[in-house]
Every structure is written in structure tokens, then in C-alpha cells.
Amino acid sequence: MQELPDTTVEPLFCGQLELSEPTCMMHHMRPIRCVAFEGTLTGRRFYGCPVPQTEGANCGVTEWVDKPWHPILRNCLSMLWDMYHEQNCGRVVDKQKYEKHLAKLKTENDKLCIEYTKLVQDVSKMFDWQDGRADHMDYQKAVEEEEFEKKKKEVEESARLEVQMEKLKLAKEQRCILQSQADIIKNTRKAMKEVEQERDLLKIEKVKLEHVVNELLKDGHASKEKLDKIKAILDS
């Protein structure tokens, strides 16, 4: 029995199966209708266990509704999923780089704050020692603190904007992933329809050719031996 694959929501094929059979081997419960959304199984309908699957307790697919896809369609699905995983990996790497860069900025900001505070203290002490006037020291200290608070707010505002932009970027990427899922299902159905149409056309052409061979045999045209070989090929 094949392990239960990842699934996607399909309104036209969902809910619990009304009949009591088939049931999963572990829980013996009525299965639910599911649509696979994983690798070359994408789009195939099946009946699965309604109990949430945990590690080490995968009931597997109870029964497949659709037969395995055509090899050409499976190759297309495999290529689409490879492209998706490659792009998703790039997004994860970009996010990790951004988080490292943000952490580096924060560390530099904290270090700058410490150095600036020390500089303010040193300057204040210098003026106090040089002038001996407490009012001048207080004024200078107030100016330095005001500049420090201003720069601190600028750095915090810059960091806040960067975080906000990253959230917007992640939200956009999530919408793109959902759209990609819908496109994969749509393209899968389109490919299935094209394969079925091509198969029907081949059947029609085969019937026409068989009819022509039979007519030629009846009328005695051409070599009977060659026509028999052609007919044998069509019947195989």
C-alpha cells in the first residue's frame, strides 16, 4: 500500500465516502475523498483515512480512483515540481541572507549606541574639566543626547521599514505559491484532455485504415500477402 501523499482542496471531489468499504487497514473507518498534490501523483483522486496522519502512523492510500498518469504527463509534472522547489529554495536563501543582514545592522546599531554614549560622556567630562562650568556641561550634554536620540530614532525607523517591506514581500510570495498550485492543476487537466483527444483521433484513423484494407482485399487489388501483413499490424 502506497503512503498517503500530500493533498490539495478540490470542491468537486471531497467529503466522506458514504459506503463502508473500502476502509484503511489501521483504523477501519470510512475513507474520505482526496486529491493528491505531490510529484507525479498530482491531480490523481483517491480514498484516504480520515484520521490525521502522524509520524510512524501513515495508513496509506486506501484505494485510487484514477489510474496512473501517462508517462509524458508524469515527466511534465516532475519537471514542474523541480522548477517549483528550485525557486522556493532560492526564496529561502534570500530570506536567510536578509535576516543575517538585519541582525548585523542591529549589532552595529547597538555598538554605535554604546560608542556614542561613551563619546558623549567623554566630551562632557572634557568640557567640565576645561571650563569648570556646570551649565555649559549640562547644555552640551543635552545637545549630545538630543542628537543621539534623533539618530537612534532614524535607525529604528529604517529597521522598521525594512521589516515591513520583508513582510509584504513574503505575503506576495505566498500568493504566488497559491497561484502556482492552481496553475499546476489547471495545466494537468488540460494535458489529460489533450492526451485523450489524441488517443481518440488515433482510434478513428485505425478504423478507417482497417476499412480500406478490407475493401482492397475484397476487390482483389494489390498483393494479398502485403495487405494481410498490414492488417496483422493493425490488429496487434
Protein backbone atom coordinates (compact mmCIF):
# COMPACT_ATOMS: atom_id res chain seq x y z
CA MET A 1 0.00 0.00 0.00
CA GLN A 2 1.38 3.38 -1.01
CA GLU A 3 1.93 6.01 1.70
CA LEU A 4 -0.59 8.85 1.89
CA PRO A 5 0.69 11.74 -0.31
CA ASP A 6 0.18 15.47 0.26
CA THR A 7 -3.27 16.63 -0.83
CA THR A 8 -5.00 19.77 -2.08
CA VAL A 9 -8.57 21.07 -1.80
CA GLU A 10 -10.89 20.10 -4.68
CA PRO A 11 -14.55 21.21 -4.11
CA LEU A 12 -15.86 18.80 -6.76
CA PHE A 13 -14.25 15.79 -5.05
CA CYS A 14 -14.29 15.99 -1.26
CA GLY A 15 -16.11 14.74 1.83
CA GLN A 16 -16.54 11.34 3.44
CA LEU A 17 -17.37 8.25 1.38
CA GLU A 18 -20.93 7.12 2.12
CA LEU A 19 -20.21 3.40 1.71
CA SER A 20 -18.48 1.49 4.48
CA GLU A 21 -15.96 -0.10 2.08
CA PRO A 22 -13.09 0.28 1.42
CA THR A 23 -11.54 1.15 4.79
CA CYS A 24 -7.95 1.73 5.92
CA MET A 25 -6.11 -1.24 7.42
CA MET A 26 -5.31 0.53 10.71
CA HIS A 27 -8.43 2.46 11.81
CA HIS A 28 -11.18 0.71 9.78
CA MET A 29 -13.08 3.97 9.29
CA ARG A 30 -14.96 5.36 6.33
CA PRO A 31 -12.39 6.93 3.99
CA ILE A 32 -12.55 10.49 2.68
CA ARG A 33 -12.17 11.72 -0.89
CA CYS A 34 -8.77 13.34 -1.52
CA VAL A 35 -6.80 14.74 -4.47
CA ALA A 36 -3.02 14.18 -4.49
CA PHE A 37 -0.72 17.21 -4.72
CA GLU A 38 2.76 15.71 -4.73
CA GLY A 39 5.19 14.97 -7.55
CA THR A 40 3.96 12.79 -10.40
CA LEU A 41 0.82 11.90 -8.39
CA THR A 42 -0.52 15.47 -8.65
CA GLY A 43 -4.20 15.55 -9.63
CA ARG A 44 -4.94 11.85 -9.01
CA ARG A 45 -8.02 11.22 -6.87
CA PHE A 46 -8.03 8.61 -4.12
CA TYR A 47 -9.73 7.46 -0.93
CA GLY A 48 -7.72 8.03 2.26
CA CYS A 49 -8.03 7.60 6.01
CA PRO A 50 -9.86 10.49 7.80
CA VAL A 51 -7.60 10.21 10.87
CA PRO A 52 -4.75 12.81 10.89
CA GLN A 53 -1.52 11.08 9.90
CA THR A 54 1.38 11.38 12.36
CA GLU A 55 4.99 10.21 12.14
CA GLY A 56 5.18 6.45 12.08
CA ALA A 57 1.39 6.01 11.60
CA ASN A 58 0.69 6.57 7.90
CA CYS A 59 -2.33 4.49 6.85
CA GLY A 60 -1.52 4.95 3.18
CA VAL A 61 -3.86 5.23 0.21
CA THR A 62 -6.96 3.10 0.70
CA GLU A 63 -7.91 2.99 -2.98
CA TRP A 64 -7.02 5.02 -6.09
CA VAL A 65 -9.88 6.45 -8.17
CA ASP A 66 -7.72 7.49 -11.15
CA LYS A 67 -5.27 5.23 -12.95
CA PRO A 68 -1.57 6.22 -13.14
CA TRP A 69 -0.97 9.16 -15.49
CA HIS A 70 0.58 8.78 -18.93
CA PRO A 71 4.44 8.74 -18.82
CA ILE A 72 4.59 12.03 -20.76
CA LEU A 73 2.29 13.70 -18.21
CA ARG A 74 4.33 12.28 -15.31
CA ASN A 75 7.52 13.73 -16.84
CA CYS A 76 5.83 17.15 -17.18
CA LEU A 77 4.67 17.07 -13.55
CA SER A 78 8.15 16.07 -12.37
CA MET A 79 9.72 19.00 -14.26
CA LEU A 80 7.14 21.47 -12.87
CA TRP A 81 7.77 20.34 -9.29
CA ASP A 82 11.54 20.54 -9.79
CA MET A 83 11.15 24.13 -11.02
CA TYR A 84 8.93 24.97 -8.04
CA HIS A 85 11.35 23.52 -5.46
CA GLU A 86 14.28 25.31 -7.13
CA GLN A 87 12.52 28.70 -6.96
CA ASN A 88 11.30 28.07 -3.40
CA CYS A 89 14.84 27.18 -2.29
CA GLY A 90 16.04 30.49 -3.75
CA ARG A 91 13.43 32.37 -1.73
CA VAL A 92 14.52 30.63 1.48
CA VAL A 93 18.16 31.51 0.81
CA ASP A 94 17.23 35.16 0.14
CA LYS A 95 15.25 35.30 3.37
CA GLN A 96 18.15 33.85 5.37
CA LYS A 97 20.53 36.40 3.85
CA TYR A 98 18.12 39.22 4.73
CA GLU A 99 17.78 38.00 8.33
CA LYS A 100 21.57 37.82 8.68
CA HIS A 101 21.91 41.31 7.23
CA LEU A 102 19.23 42.64 9.60
CA ALA A 103 20.95 41.03 12.60
CA LYS A 104 24.26 42.56 11.51
CA LEU A 105 22.64 46.01 11.27
CA LYS A 106 21.17 45.62 14.76
CA THR A 107 24.55 44.60 16.17
CA GLU A 108 26.23 47.57 14.52
CA ASN A 109 23.49 49.86 15.79
CA ASP A 110 23.93 48.64 19.37
CA LYS A 111 27.68 49.04 19.09
CA LEU A 112 27.25 52.54 17.69
CA CYS A 113 24.92 53.47 20.55
CA ILE A 114 27.46 52.31 23.13
CA GLU A 115 30.32 54.16 21.44
CA TYR A 116 28.24 57.29 21.03
CA THR A 117 27.18 57.25 24.69
CA LYS A 118 30.79 56.90 25.74
CA LEU A 119 31.75 59.73 23.42
CA VAL A 120 29.08 61.98 24.93
CA GLN A 121 30.35 61.22 28.41
CA ASP A 122 33.97 61.89 27.44
CA VAL A 123 33.06 65.18 25.78
CA SER A 124 31.03 66.25 28.78
CA LYS A 125 33.88 65.45 31.14
CA MET A 126 36.28 67.33 28.94
CA PHE A 127 34.14 70.48 28.97
CA ASP A 128 33.63 70.18 32.71
CA TRP A 129 37.37 69.89 33.32
CA GLN A 130 38.22 72.65 30.85
CA ASP A 131 35.63 75.28 31.69
CA GLY A 132 34.61 74.34 35.16
CA ARG A 133 31.12 75.50 34.36
CA ALA A 134 28.32 73.10 35.12
CA ASP A 135 25.81 75.00 32.98
CA HIS A 136 27.96 74.57 29.87
CA MET A 137 28.38 70.87 30.60
CA ASP A 138 24.64 70.40 31.05
CA TYR A 139 23.87 72.25 27.83
CA GLN A 140 26.42 70.28 25.84
CA LYS A 141 25.20 67.03 27.31
CA ALA A 142 21.60 67.90 26.42
CA VAL A 143 22.63 68.68 22.84
CA GLU A 144 24.53 65.42 22.53
CA GLU A 145 21.66 63.42 23.98
CA GLU A 146 19.21 65.09 21.62
CA GLU A 147 21.39 64.20 18.63
CA PHE A 148 21.79 60.69 19.94
CA GLU A 149 18.02 60.22 20.32
CA LYS A 150 17.48 61.61 16.85
CA LYS A 151 19.96 59.20 15.26
CA LYS A 152 18.56 56.33 17.28
CA LYS A 153 15.03 57.05 16.02
CA GLU A 154 16.31 57.23 12.45
CA VAL A 155 17.96 53.81 12.75
CA GLU A 156 14.86 52.29 14.39
CA GLU A 157 12.59 53.73 11.70
CA SER A 158 14.88 52.35 8.97
CA ALA A 159 14.83 48.89 10.56
CA ARG A 160 11.04 49.02 10.94
CA LEU A 161 10.58 49.89 7.26
CA GLU A 162 12.87 47.04 6.21
CA VAL A 163 10.90 44.55 8.32
CA GLN A 164 7.62 45.83 6.89
CA MET A 165 8.90 45.50 3.33
CA GLU A 166 10.01 41.94 4.03
CA LYS A 167 6.54 41.06 5.37
CA LEU A 168 4.95 42.47 2.21
CA LYS A 169 7.42 40.50 0.09
CA LEU A 170 6.66 37.24 1.93
CA ALA A 171 2.89 37.85 1.56
CA LYS A 172 3.34 38.37 -2.19
CA GLU A 173 5.41 35.19 -2.49
CA GLN A 174 2.71 33.24 -0.64
CA ARG A 175 0.10 34.49 -3.11
CA CYS A 176 2.38 33.45 -5.99
CA ILE A 177 2.73 29.92 -4.49
CA LEU A 178 -1.07 29.55 -4.21
CA GLN A 179 -1.47 30.75 -7.80
CA SER A 180 1.22 28.27 -8.93
CA GLN A 181 -0.71 25.44 -7.27
CA ALA A 182 -3.88 26.40 -9.13
CA ASP A 183 -1.94 26.66 -12.43
CA ILE A 184 -0.42 23.19 -11.96
CA ILE A 185 -3.87 21.60 -11.51
CA LYS A 186 -5.26 23.52 -14.48
CA ASN A 187 -2.35 22.53 -16.74
CA THR A 188 -2.63 18.91 -15.58
CA ARG A 189 -6.28 18.73 -16.57
CA LYS A 190 -5.53 20.39 -19.91
CA ALA A 191 -2.73 17.89 -20.65
CA MET A 192 -5.05 14.96 -19.75
CA LYS A 193 -7.69 16.28 -22.14
CA GLU A 194 -5.18 16.66 -24.98
CA VAL A 195 -3.89 13.08 -24.46
CA GLU A 196 -7.46 11.74 -24.56
CA GLN A 197 -8.25 13.68 -27.75
CA GLU A 198 -5.08 12.39 -29.45
CA ARG A 199 -5.95 8.82 -28.45
CA ASP A 200 -9.48 9.15 -29.89
CA LEU A 201 -8.11 10.51 -33.19
CA LEU A 202 -5.70 7.56 -33.48
CA LYS A 203 -8.57 5.12 -32.90
CA ILE A 204 -10.62 6.77 -35.67
CA GLU A 205 -7.67 6.66 -38.12
CA LYS A 206 -7.08 2.99 -37.28
CA VAL A 207 -10.72 2.11 -38.04
CA LYS A 208 -10.55 3.99 -41.36
CA LEU A 209 -7.35 2.17 -42.39
CA GLU A 210 -8.82 -1.22 -41.46
CA HIS A 211 -11.84 -0.44 -43.60
CA VAL A 212 -9.64 0.45 -46.60
CA VAL A 213 -7.61 -2.76 -46.23
CA ASN A 214 -10.77 -4.87 -46.08
CA GLU A 215 -12.14 -3.18 -49.21
CA LEU A 216 -8.89 -3.81 -51.10
CA LEU A 217 -8.93 -7.48 -50.07
CA LYS A 218 -12.48 -7.85 -51.29
CA ASP A 219 -11.80 -6.18 -54.66
CA GLY A 220 -8.55 -8.15 -55.22
CA HIS A 221 -6.39 -5.04 -55.55
CA ALA A 222 -2.65 -5.05 -54.74
CA SER A 223 -0.86 -8.01 -53.19
CA LYS A 224 -3.00 -10.03 -50.81
CA GLU A 225 0.07 -11.08 -48.84
CA LYS A 226 1.15 -7.46 -48.20
CA LEU A 227 -2.39 -6.45 -47.24
CA ASP A 228 -2.58 -9.36 -44.80
CA LYS A 229 0.65 -8.15 -43.17
CA ILE A 230 -0.79 -4.61 -42.84
CA LYS A 231 -3.96 -5.97 -41.31
CA ALA A 232 -1.96 -8.11 -38.87
CA ILE A 233 -0.07 -4.98 -37.76
CA LEU A 234 -3.36 -3.11 -37.22
CA ASP A 235 -4.80 -5.97 -35.20
CA SER A 236 -1.74 -6.22 -32.93
